């Protein structure tokens, strides 16, 4: 990213994007019937943080990486997939809370 396009919290933001992609795939696989809920949360994140085309591309790439990596790993909803969902939801919540506290608007 260009220097002016870089934020001090980008590593955490990219990780959150990756988690959203993984959760989007895994929750659907496990029959949560949430439709586009997690993709919509990613869209919200991009609306808030995707200030340039490059930044939006990096956020999208992280989301897609999370989605694809778990689509290669899990073909059925297993106890392991459920555990991964729970861990991602917990980590995502911690990241979100941390970002809100560290960088309030």
N, C-alpha and C. Protein backbone atom coordinates (compact mmCIF):
# COMPACT_ATOMS: atom_id res chain seq x y z
N UNK A 1 0.83 -1.19 0.00
CA UNK A 1 0.00 0.00 0.00
C UNK A 1 0.87 1.24 0.00
N UNK A 2 0.38 2.25 -0.60
CA UNK A 2 1.08 3.52 -0.55
C UNK A 2 1.07 4.03 0.88
N UNK A 3 2.05 4.79 1.24
CA UNK A 3 2.17 5.27 2.62
C UNK A 3 0.90 5.99 3.08
N UNK A 4 0.31 6.81 2.22
CA UNK A 4 -0.88 7.56 2.60
C UNK A 4 -2.10 6.66 2.73
N UNK A 5 -2.01 5.44 2.19
CA UNK A 5 -3.13 4.50 2.21
C UNK A 5 -2.99 3.48 3.34
N UNK A 6 -1.93 3.58 4.11
CA UNK A 6 -1.65 2.62 5.17
C UNK A 6 -2.14 3.16 6.51
N UNK A 7 -2.78 2.28 7.26
CA UNK A 7 -3.26 2.64 8.59
C UNK A 7 -2.53 1.78 9.62
N UNK A 8 -2.37 2.27 10.83
CA UNK A 8 -1.62 1.50 11.84
C UNK A 8 -2.29 0.19 12.24
N UNK A 9 -3.54 0.04 11.92
CA UNK A 9 -4.28 -1.17 12.32
C UNK A 9 -4.54 -2.12 11.14
N UNK A 10 -3.85 -1.92 10.04
CA UNK A 10 -4.13 -2.71 8.83
C UNK A 10 -3.96 -4.22 9.03
N UNK A 11 -2.95 -4.65 9.78
CA UNK A 11 -2.77 -6.09 9.98
C UNK A 11 -4.01 -6.69 10.64
N UNK A 12 -4.53 -6.01 11.63
CA UNK A 12 -5.73 -6.50 12.32
C UNK A 12 -6.95 -6.45 11.40
N UNK A 13 -7.02 -5.43 10.60
CA UNK A 13 -8.15 -5.28 9.67
C UNK A 13 -8.12 -6.38 8.60
N UNK A 14 -6.95 -6.70 8.10
CA UNK A 14 -6.84 -7.77 7.10
C UNK A 14 -7.17 -9.12 7.73
N UNK A 15 -6.74 -9.33 8.96
CA UNK A 15 -7.08 -10.58 9.65
C UNK A 15 -8.59 -10.67 9.86
N UNK A 16 -9.22 -9.59 10.23
CA UNK A 16 -10.67 -9.57 10.41
C UNK A 16 -11.37 -9.88 9.08
N UNK A 17 -10.88 -9.34 8.00
CA UNK A 17 -11.45 -9.63 6.68
C UNK A 17 -11.33 -11.11 6.34
N UNK A 18 -10.18 -11.69 6.65
CA UNK A 18 -9.96 -13.11 6.39
C UNK A 18 -10.92 -13.96 7.24
N UNK A 19 -11.10 -13.58 8.48
CA UNK A 19 -12.03 -14.29 9.37
C UNK A 19 -13.45 -14.21 8.82
N UNK A 20 -13.86 -13.04 8.36
CA UNK A 20 -15.20 -12.90 7.80
C UNK A 20 -15.40 -13.85 6.62
N UNK A 21 -14.40 -13.99 5.78
CA UNK A 21 -14.50 -14.92 4.65
C UNK A 21 -14.62 -16.36 5.10
N UNK A 22 -13.80 -16.75 6.07
CA UNK A 22 -13.85 -18.12 6.58
C UNK A 22 -15.20 -18.41 7.24
N UNK A 23 -15.68 -17.48 8.04
CA UNK A 23 -16.96 -17.67 8.72
C UNK A 23 -18.10 -17.72 7.70
N UNK A 24 -18.02 -16.89 6.68
CA UNK A 24 -19.05 -16.91 5.63
C UNK A 24 -19.15 -18.31 5.02
N UNK A 25 -18.02 -18.89 4.69
CA UNK A 25 -18.03 -20.24 4.12
C UNK A 25 -18.50 -21.28 5.13
N UNK A 26 -17.90 -21.29 6.30
CA UNK A 26 -18.17 -22.35 7.28
C UNK A 26 -19.60 -22.31 7.81
N UNK A 27 -20.13 -21.14 8.09
CA UNK A 27 -21.50 -21.04 8.60
C UNK A 27 -22.49 -21.56 7.55
N UNK A 28 -22.26 -21.23 6.30
CA UNK A 28 -23.14 -21.74 5.24
C UNK A 28 -23.02 -23.26 5.14
N UNK A 29 -21.80 -23.77 5.18
CA UNK A 29 -21.56 -25.21 5.13
C UNK A 29 -22.30 -25.93 6.25
N UNK A 30 -22.35 -25.31 7.41
CA UNK A 30 -22.97 -25.93 8.58
C UNK A 30 -24.45 -25.59 8.72
N UNK A 31 -25.05 -25.06 7.66
CA UNK A 31 -26.49 -24.88 7.63
C UNK A 31 -27.04 -23.75 8.46
N UNK A 32 -26.27 -22.70 8.64
CA UNK A 32 -26.74 -21.57 9.45
C UNK A 32 -27.86 -20.80 8.77
N UNK A 33 -27.98 -20.94 7.46
CA UNK A 33 -29.02 -20.25 6.69
C UNK A 33 -29.03 -18.74 6.94
N UNK A 34 -27.85 -18.16 6.93
CA UNK A 34 -27.71 -16.72 7.15
C UNK A 34 -27.61 -15.95 5.84
N UNK A 35 -27.68 -16.66 4.73
CA UNK A 35 -27.59 -15.98 3.44
C UNK A 35 -26.28 -15.23 3.31
N UNK A 36 -26.37 -13.95 3.02
CA UNK A 36 -25.19 -13.12 2.76
C UNK A 36 -24.77 -12.31 3.99
N UNK A 37 -25.19 -12.73 5.18
CA UNK A 37 -24.93 -11.96 6.39
C UNK A 37 -23.45 -11.58 6.54
N UNK A 38 -22.54 -12.55 6.44
CA UNK A 38 -21.11 -12.28 6.67
C UNK A 38 -20.50 -11.50 5.51
N UNK A 39 -20.97 -11.76 4.31
CA UNK A 39 -20.50 -10.97 3.16
C UNK A 39 -20.97 -9.52 3.32
N UNK A 40 -22.19 -9.35 3.84
CA UNK A 40 -22.69 -7.98 4.08
C UNK A 40 -21.87 -7.28 5.15
N UNK A 41 -21.41 -8.00 6.19
CA UNK A 41 -20.55 -7.39 7.21
C UNK A 41 -19.24 -6.97 6.57
N UNK A 42 -18.75 -7.77 5.62
CA UNK A 42 -17.53 -7.41 4.92
C UNK A 42 -17.77 -6.16 4.08
N UNK A 43 -18.91 -6.08 3.46
CA UNK A 43 -19.25 -4.88 2.66
C UNK A 43 -19.28 -3.65 3.58
N UNK A 44 -19.83 -3.80 4.77
CA UNK A 44 -19.84 -2.69 5.74
C UNK A 44 -18.41 -2.26 6.07
N UNK A 45 -17.56 -3.24 6.30
CA UNK A 45 -16.16 -2.96 6.61
C UNK A 45 -15.49 -2.23 5.44
N UNK A 46 -15.76 -2.69 4.24
CA UNK A 46 -15.16 -2.03 3.07
C UNK A 46 -15.70 -0.62 2.88
N UNK A 47 -16.97 -0.42 3.16
CA UNK A 47 -17.53 0.93 3.06
C UNK A 47 -16.86 1.87 4.05
N UNK A 48 -16.52 1.34 5.23
CA UNK A 48 -15.89 2.16 6.26
C UNK A 48 -14.39 2.35 6.02
N UNK A 49 -13.72 1.32 5.48
CA UNK A 49 -12.26 1.33 5.42
C UNK A 49 -11.67 1.31 4.02
N UNK A 50 -12.47 1.01 3.02
CA UNK A 50 -11.94 0.87 1.66
C UNK A 50 -11.87 2.19 0.94
N UNK A 51 -10.99 3.06 1.41
CA UNK A 51 -10.93 4.45 0.91
C UNK A 51 -10.34 4.57 -0.49
N UNK A 52 -9.58 3.57 -0.93
CA UNK A 52 -9.02 3.60 -2.28
C UNK A 52 -9.24 2.24 -2.94
N UNK A 53 -9.07 2.19 -4.24
CA UNK A 53 -9.23 0.93 -4.98
C UNK A 53 -8.23 -0.12 -4.48
N UNK A 54 -7.00 0.30 -4.20
CA UNK A 54 -5.99 -0.64 -3.72
C UNK A 54 -6.38 -1.19 -2.35
N UNK A 55 -6.85 -0.33 -1.50
CA UNK A 55 -7.25 -0.76 -0.15
C UNK A 55 -8.44 -1.73 -0.24
N UNK A 56 -9.40 -1.41 -1.08
CA UNK A 56 -10.56 -2.30 -1.26
C UNK A 56 -10.11 -3.66 -1.80
N UNK A 57 -9.16 -3.64 -2.73
CA UNK A 57 -8.65 -4.89 -3.30
C UNK A 57 -7.97 -5.75 -2.24
N UNK A 58 -7.20 -5.12 -1.37
CA UNK A 58 -6.52 -5.87 -0.30
C UNK A 58 -7.53 -6.47 0.68
N UNK A 59 -8.55 -5.71 1.04
CA UNK A 59 -9.59 -6.23 1.93
C UNK A 59 -10.33 -7.40 1.27
N UNK A 60 -10.66 -7.24 0.00
CA UNK A 60 -11.35 -8.30 -0.74
C UNK A 60 -10.49 -9.54 -0.84
N UNK A 61 -9.21 -9.35 -1.12
CA UNK A 61 -8.29 -10.48 -1.22
C UNK A 61 -8.23 -11.25 0.10
N UNK A 62 -8.18 -10.55 1.22
CA UNK A 62 -8.14 -11.21 2.53
C UNK A 62 -9.42 -12.00 2.78
N UNK A 63 -10.57 -11.42 2.47
CA UNK A 63 -11.86 -12.11 2.63
C UNK A 63 -11.86 -13.39 1.79
N UNK A 64 -11.50 -13.25 0.52
CA UNK A 64 -11.51 -14.40 -0.39
C UNK A 64 -10.51 -15.47 0.02
N UNK A 65 -9.39 -15.06 0.57
CA UNK A 65 -8.39 -16.03 1.04
C UNK A 65 -8.97 -16.85 2.18
N UNK A 66 -9.65 -16.21 3.12
CA UNK A 66 -10.28 -16.92 4.22
C UNK A 66 -11.34 -17.89 3.72
N UNK A 67 -12.15 -17.44 2.79
CA UNK A 67 -13.20 -18.27 2.22
C UNK A 67 -12.59 -19.49 1.52
N UNK A 68 -11.65 -19.24 0.62
CA UNK A 68 -11.07 -20.33 -0.18
C UNK A 68 -10.29 -21.32 0.65
N UNK A 69 -9.54 -20.84 1.63
CA UNK A 69 -8.71 -21.78 2.39
C UNK A 69 -9.59 -22.77 3.15
N UNK A 70 -10.73 -22.35 3.63
CA UNK A 70 -11.60 -23.28 4.36
C UNK A 70 -12.49 -24.09 3.43
N UNK A 71 -12.75 -23.59 2.23
CA UNK A 71 -13.51 -24.40 1.28
C UNK A 71 -12.67 -25.57 0.78
N UNK A 72 -11.34 -25.43 0.83
CA UNK A 72 -10.46 -26.53 0.46
C UNK A 72 -10.32 -27.53 1.60
N UNK A 73 -10.50 -27.06 2.82
CA UNK A 73 -10.29 -27.90 4.00
C UNK A 73 -11.55 -28.67 4.40
N UNK A 74 -12.70 -28.05 4.29
CA UNK A 74 -13.94 -28.65 4.77
C UNK A 74 -14.95 -28.81 3.64
N UNK A 75 -15.44 -30.04 3.46
CA UNK A 75 -16.48 -30.32 2.49
C UNK A 75 -17.82 -30.61 3.18
N UNK A 76 -17.74 -30.95 4.46
CA UNK A 76 -18.94 -31.21 5.25
C UNK A 76 -18.80 -30.50 6.59
N UNK A 77 -19.93 -30.28 7.23
CA UNK A 77 -19.91 -29.67 8.55
C UNK A 77 -19.55 -30.75 9.57
N UNK A 78 -18.40 -30.60 10.15
CA UNK A 78 -17.89 -31.58 11.12
C UNK A 78 -17.70 -30.89 12.47
N UNK A 79 -17.45 -31.66 13.51
CA UNK A 79 -17.13 -31.01 14.80
C UNK A 79 -15.93 -30.07 14.68
N UNK A 80 -14.97 -30.43 13.86
CA UNK A 80 -13.81 -29.57 13.64
C UNK A 80 -14.22 -28.25 12.98
N UNK A 81 -15.13 -28.32 12.03
CA UNK A 81 -15.62 -27.09 11.37
C UNK A 81 -16.36 -26.21 12.38
N UNK A 82 -17.16 -26.83 13.24
CA UNK A 82 -17.87 -26.08 14.28
C UNK A 82 -16.89 -25.41 15.24
N UNK A 83 -15.84 -26.12 15.59
CA UNK A 83 -14.81 -25.55 16.46
C UNK A 83 -14.14 -24.36 15.79
N UNK A 84 -13.84 -24.50 14.49
CA UNK A 84 -13.23 -23.40 13.75
C UNK A 84 -14.15 -22.18 13.75
N UNK A 85 -15.45 -22.40 13.53
CA UNK A 85 -16.41 -21.30 13.54
C UNK A 85 -16.36 -20.58 14.88
N UNK A 86 -16.43 -21.34 15.96
CA UNK A 86 -16.43 -20.73 17.30
C UNK A 86 -15.15 -19.95 17.56
N UNK A 87 -14.03 -20.49 17.15
CA UNK A 87 -12.76 -19.78 17.33
C UNK A 87 -12.71 -18.50 16.51
N UNK A 88 -13.18 -18.57 15.27
CA UNK A 88 -13.19 -17.38 14.41
C UNK A 88 -14.13 -16.31 14.96
N UNK A 89 -15.30 -16.72 15.43
CA UNK A 89 -16.24 -15.74 15.98
C UNK A 89 -15.64 -15.05 17.20
N UNK A 90 -14.95 -15.82 18.03
CA UNK A 90 -14.30 -15.25 19.21
C UNK A 90 -13.16 -14.31 18.82
N UNK A 91 -12.30 -14.76 17.92
CA UNK A 91 -11.18 -13.92 17.48
C UNK A 91 -11.68 -12.66 16.77
N UNK A 92 -12.69 -12.82 15.93
CA UNK A 92 -13.24 -11.67 15.21
C UNK A 92 -13.83 -10.65 16.16
N UNK A 93 -14.52 -11.13 17.19
CA UNK A 93 -15.09 -10.24 18.20
C UNK A 93 -13.99 -9.48 18.95
N UNK A 94 -12.94 -10.20 19.33
CA UNK A 94 -11.81 -9.57 20.01
C UNK A 94 -11.13 -8.52 19.13
N UNK A 95 -10.93 -8.86 17.86
CA UNK A 95 -10.32 -7.90 16.94
C UNK A 95 -11.18 -6.66 16.78
N UNK A 96 -12.47 -6.87 16.58
CA UNK A 96 -13.40 -5.74 16.41
C UNK A 96 -13.39 -4.85 17.64
N UNK A 97 -13.52 -5.46 18.81
CA UNK A 97 -13.53 -4.68 20.05
C UNK A 97 -12.23 -3.92 20.23
N UNK A 98 -11.11 -4.60 19.94
CA UNK A 98 -9.80 -3.96 20.07
C UNK A 98 -9.64 -2.78 19.12
N UNK A 99 -10.11 -2.95 17.90
CA UNK A 99 -10.02 -1.86 16.92
C UNK A 99 -10.88 -0.68 17.35
N UNK A 100 -12.07 -0.96 17.85
CA UNK A 100 -12.95 0.13 18.28
C UNK A 100 -12.36 0.90 19.46
N UNK A 101 -11.70 0.18 20.37
CA UNK A 101 -11.11 0.85 21.54
C UNK A 101 -9.85 1.61 21.18
N UNK A 102 -9.04 1.03 20.28
CA UNK A 102 -7.77 1.65 19.93
C UNK A 102 -7.92 2.82 18.97
N UNK A 103 -8.94 2.74 18.11
CA UNK A 103 -9.09 3.76 17.07
C UNK A 103 -10.55 4.23 16.99
N UNK A 104 -11.06 4.83 18.06
CA UNK A 104 -12.44 5.30 18.03
C UNK A 104 -12.59 6.46 17.03
N UNK A 105 -13.76 6.56 16.46
CA UNK A 105 -13.99 7.65 15.49
C UNK A 105 -14.40 8.90 16.20
